Every structure is written in structure tokens, then in C-alpha cells.
Amino acid sequence: MENILDWDWFIKKFEVLSKIDLKAYKRPQMERRINSFMRSVSVSDYKSFVDLLNNDKIVYRRFLDHITINVSEFFRNANHWEVLEKEIIPMLLKERNSLKVWSAGCSTGEEPYSLAILFQENGYPLSGSILATDLDDEVLEKAGAGLYSNKAVQGLSPEQLKKYFESQGSYYRAKDELKKIIRFQKHDLLKDPFPRDYDLILCRNVVIYFTEPSKFRLYERFATALRIGGVIFIGSTEQIFQARELNFKSIATFFYQKY
């Protein structure tokens, strides 16, 4: 008989419901997040919690936001974006006339819009649209809408706001000229096939809760998605520990190049 209080039972049931495989995440951190959420909705066991998630769409949505940590901002860690703008992209453009770019785990869209602004501001040529992917349908819908609060756009200069966004009350909406540079698409980094021959991939603050084997598999897949000489840009709390095994070399803090 299945033990309905068991962690393994819960993650199997949750994967059926959400298509998210929690085995890829570090169990202690994920258990803490899940248990804190269960307390917040006054549920004490996994069976009751699964029943609640199946029957209450609002709680289910809140729970997805809680565990997937959809936190993003424009030009997050601005000094790292400056390295991207002044060093990494010019280096890549010495080898190709235009660049294929992917924002993986794009959340509500601040990162790909930041990329689009950076390319527009500098006149850097793109090969097609910036690919922006996420597992979560709802955050992709928000990203596609491109509507952000006053607080959310604090990372943008007044000039960038005026040029690329339209004021709508206390919100700003990305202009169509900016939106058309980006192609938003649903994609599961742990399960779906990866695109190929990319020059630049951003996957920032996505893997911090993954287990080490899951991280290695993910970076291995990113290596296959990059061309030789292509670069991956990771988050400010992350590091690729087995870089050499994956044919990556560190070329700047948080930037790794495939060789």
C-alpha cells in the first residue's frame, strides 16, 4: 500500500498534475518551501494537499509561483550586463555577422526584453528573434503581454522607458517594435529537446534549487545547444563546477564559452 505521507508519493502525484519533476530539485530546500506553503493553506499531510491542488485552481497557481520562484527584473545585476554588452557580444560578433540568442527560463519576460533593448541600443544584429522560453504557461502569457508596474521597470533608464514602453496609468507596456524582436515559447529544460547552434544563451537564477546531477545534465544540454565559441551567461549565485568536462571555459565571471 502507498504511503500517502511519503515524499516520493507526493512528487509522483504532483508530476502527474503539473508535469514538473521535483526529483530534479534539491529535496531539503524544496521540502521546506512546500511545507511552508502547506502551513499557509492549513494543510497538514500530502494527501490533503494533493486533493487541494487538484480542486482549487487559485491555490494551485499560488503554489506554482511559490516553488518556481518567478522573480525577475530588467538588467538584473547591471554590472554583469555591462560585461555582456561591452565584451561578450562584440567578441561573438567577430565570428558571426548576426547572433542567435536564447533566454532560457525567462519568467515574466524582463530578461528577454532587456536583451532586446541591449541589441537595439547598440545596433547589434540578431539572427531571427530572441528565443525566450519557460515551463510556466501563465508567466509566458504575462511576458507576451509585456505589461509592468512602476516598481518592475526601475532597472530601466527614463530614456529606455520612453523609447521602448508606453505609459498606461501606473503601468508600462512594451511597444510592439520591442515585442516583435522576441519569440516566447513553452519549454521544459529538463525534458524537451534543445535547439542548436546558438551563439548566446542566458540561463540565470534558474538552477539554484536543482540537484547537482540535474545541474550537470542541464549544462550538458546547453553545451549541445551552443556552437563552438558560443557563450552561456549564468546567474550571480551560480557556478559551473565541472566546466572542463562539458567543454566550457570561464571567460569572465558568470560567462562560460564552449570550446
C-alpha atoms as a PDB file:
ATOM      1  CA  MET A   1       0.000   0.000   0.000  1.00  0.00           C
ATOM      2  CA  GLU A   2       1.266   3.510  -0.882  1.00  0.00           C
ATOM      3  CA  ASN A   3       2.321   5.717   1.989  1.00  0.00           C
ATOM      4  CA  ILE A   4       0.463   8.976   1.353  1.00  0.00           C
ATOM      5  CA  LEU A   5       2.686  10.810   3.820  1.00  0.00           C
ATOM      6  CA  ASP A   6       5.743   9.868   1.794  1.00  0.00           C
ATOM      7  CA  TRP A   7       7.752  12.444  -0.190  1.00  0.00           C
ATOM      8  CA  ASP A   8       8.157  10.082  -3.154  1.00  0.00           C
ATOM      9  CA  TRP A   9       4.392   9.562  -3.287  1.00  0.00           C
ATOM     10  CA  PHE A  10       3.816  13.308  -3.321  1.00  0.00           C
ATOM     11  CA  ILE A  11       6.299  14.129  -6.088  1.00  0.00           C
ATOM     12  CA  LYS A  12       4.821  11.378  -8.311  1.00  0.00           C
ATOM     13  CA  LYS A  13       1.324  12.775  -7.830  1.00  0.00           C
ATOM     14  CA  PHE A  14       2.498  16.325  -8.364  1.00  0.00           C
ATOM     15  CA  GLU A  15       4.291  15.409 -11.608  1.00  0.00           C
ATOM     16  CA  VAL A  16       1.061  13.877 -12.948  1.00  0.00           C
ATOM     17  CA  LEU A  17      -0.725  17.122 -12.111  1.00  0.00           C
ATOM     18  CA  SER A  18       1.869  19.676 -13.194  1.00  0.00           C
ATOM     19  CA  LYS A  19       4.371  17.845 -15.467  1.00  0.00           C
ATOM     20  CA  ILE A  20       7.105  19.227 -13.142  1.00  0.00           C
ATOM     21  CA  ASP A  21       9.633  16.663 -11.919  1.00  0.00           C
ATOM     22  CA  LEU A  22      10.600  17.661  -8.375  1.00  0.00           C
ATOM     23  CA  LYS A  23      13.219  14.883  -8.254  1.00  0.00           C
ATOM     24  CA  ALA A  24      15.485  17.254 -10.170  1.00  0.00           C
ATOM     25  CA  TYR A  25      15.405  19.748  -7.300  1.00  0.00           C
ATOM     26  CA  LYS A  26      17.307  19.634  -4.029  1.00  0.00           C
ATOM     27  CA  ARG A  27      14.972  17.869  -1.631  1.00  0.00           C
ATOM     28  CA  PRO A  28      15.703  19.778   1.628  1.00  0.00           C
ATOM     29  CA  GLN A  29      15.138  23.216   0.091  1.00  0.00           C
ATOM     30  CA  MET A  30      12.081  22.094  -1.864  1.00  0.00           C
ATOM     31  CA  GLU A  31      10.560  20.318   1.149  1.00  0.00           C
ATOM     32  CA  ARG A  32      10.961  23.478   3.219  1.00  0.00           C
ATOM     33  CA  ARG A  33       9.220  25.564   0.560  1.00  0.00           C
ATOM     34  CA  ILE A  34       6.410  23.035   0.175  1.00  0.00           C
ATOM     35  CA  ASN A  35       5.899  22.578   3.907  1.00  0.00           C
ATOM     36  CA  SER A  36       5.771  26.333   4.479  1.00  0.00           C
ATOM     37  CA  PHE A  37       3.145  26.647   1.763  1.00  0.00           C
ATOM     38  CA  MET A  38       1.124  23.754   3.209  1.00  0.00           C
ATOM     39  CA  ARG A  39       1.075  25.534   6.582  1.00  0.00           C
ATOM     40  CA  SER A  40      -0.095  28.728   4.888  1.00  0.00           C
ATOM     41  CA  VAL A  41      -3.155  26.911   3.493  1.00  0.00           C
ATOM     42  CA  SER A  42      -3.755  24.938   6.714  1.00  0.00           C
ATOM     43  CA  VAL A  43      -2.978  21.518   5.262  1.00  0.00           C
ATOM     44  CA  SER A  44      -1.019  19.004   7.308  1.00  0.00           C
ATOM     45  CA  ASP A  45      -0.498  15.991   5.018  1.00  0.00           C
ATOM     46  CA  TYR A  46       0.390  15.316   1.387  1.00  0.00           C
ATOM     47  CA  LYS A  47      -2.858  13.528   0.530  1.00  0.00           C
ATOM     48  CA  SER A  48      -4.960  16.510   1.590  1.00  0.00           C
ATOM     49  CA  PHE A  49      -2.568  18.831  -0.175  1.00  0.00           C
ATOM     50  CA  VAL A  50      -2.758  16.943  -3.486  1.00  0.00           C
ATOM     51  CA  ASP A  51      -6.566  16.965  -3.210  1.00  0.00           C
ATOM     52  CA  LEU A  52      -6.488  20.726  -2.649  1.00  0.00           C
ATOM     53  CA  LEU A  53      -4.181  21.334  -5.620  1.00  0.00           C
ATOM     54  CA  ASN A  54      -6.440  19.270  -7.850  1.00  0.00           C
ATOM     55  CA  ASN A  55      -9.598  21.081  -6.782  1.00  0.00           C
ATOM     56  CA  ASP A  56      -8.568  24.690  -6.219  1.00  0.00           C
ATOM     57  CA  LYS A  57      -7.032  26.407  -9.254  1.00  0.00           C
ATOM     58  CA  ILE A  58      -6.169  29.564  -7.311  1.00  0.00           C
ATOM     59  CA  VAL A  59      -4.206  27.660  -4.655  1.00  0.00           C
ATOM     60  CA  TYR A  60      -2.553  25.577  -7.378  1.00  0.00           C
ATOM     61  CA  ARG A  61      -1.432  28.779  -9.171  1.00  0.00           C
ATOM     62  CA  ARG A  62      -0.127  30.291  -5.938  1.00  0.00           C
ATOM     63  CA  PHE A  63       1.770  27.081  -5.214  1.00  0.00           C
ATOM     64  CA  LEU A  64       3.405  27.038  -8.661  1.00  0.00           C
ATOM     65  CA  ASP A  65       4.541  30.636  -8.147  1.00  0.00           C
ATOM     66  CA  HIS A  66       5.852  29.679  -4.704  1.00  0.00           C
ATOM     67  CA  ILE A  67       8.032  26.796  -5.864  1.00  0.00           C
ATOM     68  CA  THR A  68       9.154  28.090  -9.246  1.00  0.00           C
ATOM     69  CA  ILE A  69      10.225  31.462  -7.799  1.00  0.00           C
ATOM     70  CA  ASN A  70       9.223  33.656 -10.728  1.00  0.00           C
ATOM     71  CA  VAL A  71      11.343  36.622  -9.709  1.00  0.00           C
ATOM     72  CA  SER A  72      12.881  38.729 -12.441  1.00  0.00           C
ATOM     73  CA  GLU A  73      13.884  42.305 -13.157  1.00  0.00           C
ATOM     74  CA  PHE A  74      15.218  44.381 -16.023  1.00  0.00           C
ATOM     75  CA  PHE A  75      19.016  44.270 -16.349  1.00  0.00           C
ATOM     76  CA  ARG A  76      19.363  42.271 -13.135  1.00  0.00           C
ATOM     77  CA  ASN A  77      22.947  42.656 -11.804  1.00  0.00           C
ATOM     78  CA  ALA A  78      23.647  45.613 -14.095  1.00  0.00           C
ATOM     79  CA  ASN A  79      27.440  45.238 -13.918  1.00  0.00           C
ATOM     80  CA  HIS A  80      27.168  41.742 -15.453  1.00  0.00           C
ATOM     81  CA  TRP A  81      25.009  43.120 -18.265  1.00  0.00           C
ATOM     82  CA  GLU A  82      27.714  45.704 -18.908  1.00  0.00           C
ATOM     83  CA  VAL A  83      30.248  42.885 -19.426  1.00  0.00           C
ATOM     84  CA  LEU A  84      27.773  41.238 -21.811  1.00  0.00           C
ATOM     85  CA  GLU A  85      27.313  44.494 -23.740  1.00  0.00           C
ATOM     86  CA  LYS A  86      30.910  45.706 -23.879  1.00  0.00           C
ATOM     87  CA  GLU A  87      32.894  42.464 -24.045  1.00  0.00           C
ATOM     88  CA  ILE A  88      30.936  39.286 -24.759  1.00  0.00           C
ATOM     89  CA  ILE A  89      28.668  40.332 -27.633  1.00  0.00           C
ATOM     90  CA  PRO A  90      31.416  42.233 -29.517  1.00  0.00           C
ATOM     91  CA  MET A  91      33.616  39.126 -29.166  1.00  0.00           C
ATOM     92  CA  LEU A  92      30.850  36.900 -30.567  1.00  0.00           C
ATOM     93  CA  LEU A  93      30.237  39.285 -33.472  1.00  0.00           C
ATOM     94  CA  LYS A  94      33.853  38.918 -34.577  1.00  0.00           C
ATOM     95  CA  GLU A  95      32.955  35.360 -35.612  1.00  0.00           C
ATOM     96  CA  ARG A  96      29.415  35.812 -36.926  1.00  0.00           C
ATOM     97  CA  ASN A  97      27.549  38.587 -38.703  1.00  0.00           C
ATOM     98  CA  SER A  98      24.445  38.116 -36.539  1.00  0.00           C
ATOM     99  CA  LEU A  99      23.700  36.233 -33.344  1.00  0.00           C
ATOM    100  CA  LYS A 100      21.235  33.534 -32.299  1.00  0.00           C
ATOM    101  CA  VAL A 101      20.167  34.266 -28.722  1.00  0.00           C
ATOM    102  CA  TRP A 102      18.113  32.268 -26.186  1.00  0.00           C
ATOM    103  CA  SER A 103      16.756  33.388 -22.805  1.00  0.00           C
ATOM    104  CA  ALA A 104      16.092  30.066 -21.032  1.00  0.00           C
ATOM    105  CA  GLY A 105      13.788  30.218 -18.009  1.00  0.00           C
ATOM    106  CA  CYS A 106      12.645  33.715 -18.981  1.00  0.00           C
ATOM    107  CA  SER A 107       9.902  34.013 -16.325  1.00  0.00           C
ATOM    108  CA  THR A 108       7.755  37.123 -16.829  1.00  0.00           C
ATOM    109  CA  GLY A 109       9.946  38.481 -19.607  1.00  0.00           C
ATOM    110  CA  GLU A 110      12.189  41.121 -18.061  1.00  0.00           C
ATOM    111  CA  GLU A 111      15.331  39.287 -19.211  1.00  0.00           C
ATOM    112  CA  PRO A 112      14.451  38.871 -22.916  1.00  0.00           C
ATOM    113  CA  TYR A 113      13.123  42.440 -23.076  1.00  0.00           C
ATOM    114  CA  SER A 114      16.421  43.602 -21.536  1.00  0.00           C
ATOM    115  CA  LEU A 115      18.253  41.650 -24.239  1.00  0.00           C
ATOM    116  CA  ALA A 116      16.093  43.168 -26.964  1.00  0.00           C
ATOM    117  CA  ILE A 117      16.788  46.678 -25.627  1.00  0.00           C
ATOM    118  CA  LEU A 118      20.530  45.982 -25.406  1.00  0.00           C
ATOM    119  CA  PHE A 119      20.658  44.756 -29.017  1.00  0.00           C
ATOM    120  CA  GLN A 120      18.565  47.688 -30.249  1.00  0.00           C
ATOM    121  CA  GLU A 121      20.550  50.314 -28.331  1.00  0.00           C
ATOM    122  CA  ASN A 122      23.853  49.075 -29.731  1.00  0.00           C
ATOM    123  CA  GLY A 123      22.698  48.130 -33.207  1.00  0.00           C
ATOM    124  CA  TYR A 124      23.867  44.560 -32.629  1.00  0.00           C
ATOM    125  CA  PRO A 125      22.467  42.279 -35.369  1.00  0.00           C
ATOM    126  CA  LEU A 126      20.240  39.346 -34.434  1.00  0.00           C
ATOM    127  CA  SER A 127      19.725  36.188 -36.452  1.00  0.00           C
ATOM    128  CA  GLY A 128      15.937  35.973 -36.225  1.00  0.00           C
ATOM    129  CA  SER A 129      14.059  36.569 -32.985  1.00  0.00           C
ATOM    130  CA  ILE A 130      15.374  36.224 -29.454  1.00  0.00           C
ATOM    131  CA  LEU A 131      14.031  32.873 -28.223  1.00  0.00           C
ATOM    132  CA  ALA A 132      12.527  33.204 -24.735  1.00  0.00           C
ATOM    133  CA  THR A 133      11.284  30.048 -23.023  1.00  0.00           C
ATOM    134  CA  ASP A 134       9.733  28.979 -19.748  1.00  0.00           C
ATOM    135  CA  LEU A 135       7.910  25.976 -18.326  1.00  0.00           C
ATOM    136  CA  ASP A 136       5.042  28.067 -16.963  1.00  0.00           C
ATOM    137  CA  ASP A 137       2.156  28.994 -19.276  1.00  0.00           C
ATOM    138  CA  GLU A 138       0.948  31.845 -17.093  1.00  0.00           C
ATOM    139  CA  VAL A 139       4.279  33.647 -16.807  1.00  0.00           C
ATOM    140  CA  LEU A 140       4.735  33.280 -20.578  1.00  0.00           C
ATOM    141  CA  GLU A 141       1.360  34.933 -21.064  1.00  0.00           C
ATOM    142  CA  LYS A 142       2.465  37.825 -18.824  1.00  0.00           C
ATOM    143  CA  ALA A 143       5.766  38.058 -20.670  1.00  0.00           C
ATOM    144  CA  GLY A 144       3.991  38.200 -24.021  1.00  0.00           C
ATOM    145  CA  ALA A 145       1.694  40.954 -22.758  1.00  0.00           C
ATOM    146  CA  GLY A 146       4.752  42.981 -21.701  1.00  0.00           C
ATOM    147  CA  LEU A 147       2.900  44.941 -19.006  1.00  0.00           C
ATOM    148  CA  TYR A 148       4.957  46.006 -15.984  1.00  0.00           C
ATOM    149  CA  SER A 149       4.389  48.068 -12.852  1.00  0.00           C
ATOM    150  CA  ASN A 150       6.310  51.224 -11.953  1.00  0.00           C
ATOM    151  CA  LYS A 151       8.342  49.183  -9.490  1.00  0.00           C
ATOM    152  CA  ALA A 152       9.155  46.484 -12.041  1.00  0.00           C
ATOM    153  CA  VAL A 153      10.738  48.921 -14.511  1.00  0.00           C
ATOM    154  CA  GLN A 154      13.146  50.520 -12.052  1.00  0.00           C
ATOM    155  CA  GLY A 155      16.115  48.900 -13.794  1.00  0.00           C
ATOM    156  CA  LEU A 156      15.387  50.897 -16.957  1.00  0.00           C
ATOM    157  CA  SER A 157      16.579  54.432 -17.620  1.00  0.00           C
ATOM    158  CA  PRO A 158      13.994  57.184 -18.276  1.00  0.00           C
ATOM    159  CA  GLU A 159      15.217  57.255 -21.881  1.00  0.00           C
ATOM    160  CA  GLN A 160      14.695  53.498 -22.304  1.00  0.00           C
ATOM    161  CA  LEU A 161      11.232  53.709 -20.756  1.00  0.00           C
ATOM    162  CA  LYS A 162      10.203  56.472 -23.123  1.00  0.00           C
ATOM    163  CA  LYS A 163      11.677  54.786 -26.195  1.00  0.00           C
ATOM    164  CA  TYR A 164      10.533  51.200 -25.671  1.00  0.00           C
ATOM    165  CA  PHE A 165       7.428  51.374 -23.438  1.00  0.00           C
ATOM    166  CA  GLU A 166       4.042  53.092 -23.433  1.00  0.00           C
ATOM    167  CA  SER A 167       2.698  54.527 -20.185  1.00  0.00           C
ATOM    168  CA  GLN A 168      -0.648  53.033 -19.137  1.00  0.00           C
ATOM    169  CA  GLY A 169      -1.684  54.563 -15.822  1.00  0.00           C
ATOM    170  CA  SER A 170       0.642  53.138 -13.172  1.00  0.00           C
ATOM    171  CA  TYR A 171       1.952  50.534 -15.654  1.00  0.00           C
ATOM    172  CA  TYR A 172       4.213  50.444 -18.675  1.00  0.00           C
ATOM    173  CA  ARG A 173       3.609  48.237 -21.716  1.00  0.00           C
ATOM    174  CA  ALA A 174       6.362  47.160 -24.078  1.00  0.00           C
ATOM    175  CA  LYS A 175       5.907  48.670 -27.522  1.00  0.00           C
ATOM    176  CA  ASP A 176       5.190  46.361 -30.444  1.00  0.00           C
ATOM    177  CA  GLU A 177       8.570  47.196 -32.012  1.00  0.00           C
ATOM    178  CA  LEU A 178      10.236  45.644 -28.951  1.00  0.00           C
ATOM    179  CA  LYS A 179       7.859  42.695 -28.691  1.00  0.00           C
ATOM    180  CA  LYS A 180       8.408  41.624 -32.279  1.00  0.00           C
ATOM    181  CA  ILE A 181      12.108  41.019 -31.548  1.00  0.00           C
ATOM    182  CA  ILE A 182      11.198  38.200 -29.102  1.00  0.00           C
ATOM    183  CA  ARG A 183       9.558  34.806 -29.622  1.00  0.00           C
ATOM    184  CA  PHE A 184       8.051  33.406 -26.412  1.00  0.00           C
ATOM    185  CA  GLN A 185       7.659  29.636 -26.272  1.00  0.00           C
ATOM    186  CA  LYS A 186       6.861  26.985 -23.683  1.00  0.00           C
ATOM    187  CA  HIS A 187       9.818  24.690 -22.972  1.00  0.00           C
ATOM    188  CA  ASP A 188      10.783  22.294 -20.187  1.00  0.00           C
ATOM    189  CA  LEU A 189      14.547  22.477 -19.683  1.00  0.00           C
ATOM    190  CA  LEU A 190      14.642  19.032 -18.100  1.00  0.00           C
ATOM    191  CA  LYS A 191      12.549  17.167 -20.683  1.00  0.00           C
ATOM    192  CA  ASP A 192      12.145  18.918 -24.026  1.00  0.00           C
ATOM    193  CA  PRO A 193      14.617  18.796 -26.931  1.00  0.00           C
ATOM    194  CA  PHE A 194      17.053  21.715 -27.096  1.00  0.00           C
ATOM    195  CA  PRO A 195      17.552  23.968 -30.112  1.00  0.00           C
ATOM    196  CA  ARG A 196      21.010  24.024 -31.712  1.00  0.00           C
ATOM    197  CA  ASP A 197      23.725  26.348 -32.997  1.00  0.00           C
ATOM    198  CA  TYR A 198      23.144  29.211 -30.553  1.00  0.00           C
ATOM    199  CA  ASP A 199      25.714  31.937 -30.044  1.00  0.00           C
ATOM    200  CA  LEU A 200      24.476  33.194 -26.676  1.00  0.00           C
ATOM    201  CA  ILE A 201      22.306  31.545 -24.018  1.00  0.00           C
ATOM    202  CA  LEU A 202      21.145  33.179 -20.802  1.00  0.00           C
ATOM    203  CA  CYS A 203      20.068  30.826 -18.006  1.00  0.00           C
ATOM    204  CA  ARG A 204      20.262  32.916 -14.855  1.00  0.00           C
ATOM    205  CA  ASN A 205      18.989  32.100 -11.368  1.00  0.00           C
ATOM    206  CA  VAL A 206      17.155  29.057 -12.704  1.00  0.00           C
ATOM    207  CA  VAL A 207      19.214  26.093 -11.472  1.00  0.00           C
ATOM    208  CA  ILE A 208      19.958  27.155  -7.885  1.00  0.00           C
ATOM    209  CA  TYR A 209      17.486  24.643  -6.435  1.00  0.00           C
ATOM    210  CA  PHE A 210      18.459  21.784  -8.760  1.00  0.00           C
ATOM    211  CA  THR A 211      20.385  18.745  -7.563  1.00  0.00           C
ATOM    212  CA  GLU A 212      23.996  18.548  -8.742  1.00  0.00           C
ATOM    213  CA  PRO A 213      23.264  15.688 -11.223  1.00  0.00           C
ATOM    214  CA  SER A 214      20.355  17.713 -12.654  1.00  0.00           C
ATOM    215  CA  LYS A 215      22.541  20.793 -13.000  1.00  0.00           C
ATOM    216  CA  PHE A 216      25.214  18.781 -14.804  1.00  0.00           C
ATOM    217  CA  ARG A 217      22.638  17.303 -17.228  1.00  0.00           C
ATOM    218  CA  LEU A 218      21.210  20.752 -17.876  1.00  0.00           C
ATOM    219  CA  TYR A 219      24.592  22.365 -18.579  1.00  0.00           C
ATOM    220  CA  GLU A 220      25.453  19.362 -20.750  1.00  0.00           C
ATOM    221  CA  ARG A 221      22.326  20.083 -22.796  1.00  0.00           C
ATOM    222  CA  PHE A 222      23.196  23.763 -23.024  1.00  0.00           C
ATOM    223  CA  ALA A 223      26.629  22.779 -24.319  1.00  0.00           C
ATOM    224  CA  THR A 224      24.963  20.858 -27.162  1.00  0.00           C
ATOM    225  CA  ALA A 225      22.762  23.881 -27.900  1.00  0.00           C
ATOM    226  CA  LEU A 226      25.747  26.223 -28.268  1.00  0.00           C
ATOM    227  CA  ARG A 227      28.018  26.394 -31.280  1.00  0.00           C
ATOM    228  CA  ILE A 228      31.752  26.091 -30.699  1.00  0.00           C
ATOM    229  CA  GLY A 229      32.740  29.502 -29.365  1.00  0.00           C
ATOM    230  CA  GLY A 230      29.220  30.211 -28.085  1.00  0.00           C
ATOM    231  CA  VAL A 231      28.695  31.596 -24.580  1.00  0.00           C
ATOM    232  CA  ILE A 232      26.367  30.847 -21.679  1.00  0.00           C
ATOM    233  CA  PHE A 233      25.597  33.604 -19.159  1.00  0.00           C
ATOM    234  CA  ILE A 234      24.555  32.291 -15.718  1.00  0.00           C
ATOM    235  CA  GLY A 235      23.241  33.833 -12.501  1.00  0.00           C
ATOM    236  CA  SER A 236      25.155  35.712  -9.837  1.00  0.00           C
ATOM    237  CA  THR A 237      24.851  32.870  -7.295  1.00  0.00           C
ATOM    238  CA  GLU A 238      25.778  30.115  -9.748  1.00  0.00           C
ATOM    239  CA  GLN A 239      28.918  28.401 -10.985  1.00  0.00           C
ATOM    240  CA  ILE A 240      29.591  25.547 -13.414  1.00  0.00           C
ATOM    241  CA  PHE A 241      31.810  23.333 -11.273  1.00  0.00           C
ATOM    242  CA  GLN A 242      32.506  20.686 -13.933  1.00  0.00           C
ATOM    243  CA  ALA A 243      33.066  23.183 -16.724  1.00  0.00           C
ATOM    244  CA  ARG A 244      36.025  21.361 -18.320  1.00  0.00           C
ATOM    245  CA  GLU A 245      34.090  18.095 -18.565  1.00  0.00           C
ATOM    246  CA  LEU A 246      31.459  19.996 -20.546  1.00  0.00           C
ATOM    247  CA  ASN A 247      33.995  21.748 -22.806  1.00  0.00           C
ATOM    248  CA  PHE A 248      33.310  25.086 -21.139  1.00  0.00           C
ATOM    249  CA  LYS A 249      35.920  27.618 -20.088  1.00  0.00           C
ATOM    250  CA  SER A 250      35.306  30.658 -17.901  1.00  0.00           C
ATOM    251  CA  ILE A 251      35.947  33.842 -19.894  1.00  0.00           C
ATOM    252  CA  ALA A 252      34.520  36.315 -17.327  1.00  0.00           C
ATOM    253  CA  THR A 253      32.695  35.951 -14.027  1.00  0.00           C
ATOM    254  CA  PHE A 254      29.361  34.215 -14.803  1.00  0.00           C
ATOM    255  CA  PHE A 255      30.251  33.734 -18.505  1.00  0.00           C
ATOM    256  CA  TYR A 256      31.404  30.405 -19.946  1.00  0.00           C
ATOM    257  CA  GLN A 257      32.469  29.724 -23.516  1.00  0.00           C
ATOM    258  CA  LYS A 258      32.166  26.386 -25.329  1.00  0.00           C
ATOM    259  CA  TYR A 259      35.392  25.165 -26.915  1.00  0.00           C
END
